[in-house]
Amino acid sequence: MDFSAFDAAIERVEKARLAYDSRHITQIVAASKYVDSAAIAALYGYGQRAFGENRAQDLAAKSAELENLPIEWHFIGVLQSNKIAKLLALRPALIHSVSSLELARAINDRAAQMGIIQRVLLQVNSAREKSKSGVLPEAALETYAAIKETCPALVLEGVMTIGARAEDQNQIAASFKTAREIRDQTGGKTLSMGMSGDFEIAISFGANLLRLGSVLFKN
């Protein structure tokens, strides 16, 4: 595997991080949806530790194939209620995509039954796009508080968002700014935003957890 793309992405992340704040710490989750276990193992060997999958069944398969590696697995996709138990059994380090209070309570109930405490993020649809999951900005604070109050098996650590799908960088920036403001008001520590096409903008608004796919795995 050629690691030049990974090296180039790291350089871009570091440049954006230093421009934002030299003391800011930014973690990368390698979104491995479109690559096989061999590519994940190769990147792990090169130093990448956190990987994110979009589907519970893919996470199950890849984590089984790579069980000899202490990978920090994240779940970053849409979570269907009938996949909650399967996902929790895999013990992901963090579920980024808790998109509603109803889903949070369903995860909480199953986690409690399994004796698990699960770290999660609230997904906010900061771009207000119908194609995206997540609570709308005006409902985010109330939903966040309700999860913290009613879901004792969940550790709610912050906010996740997907940037606006737009050519206009101002629209993308606005969606990230909204998410940051919500995260700041909740007092959460984690702000998961920024993908391969917009992570530098995300960092400029304080993202501390990036979900990068194709920009890392290009051959």
Foldseek 3Di string as FASTA:
>chain_A
DDQPLVVVVVVLVCVLLVVQPNPAAAAEAAACAPHALVLVVVVVVVPRAHYEYADLVRLVVSCVVVVVDNHQYEYEHDDDLVCLLSNVVSPHQEYEEPAFLVSLVSNLVSCVVVVAQHEYEFEEALLPDPVDGHHHLVCLLVSLVCSVVPRVSYDYAFYEYEFDPDPDVVRRLSSLLSRLVSRVVNVHDAYEYEEQVGNSSNVNNPHRYYHYYPSRRPD
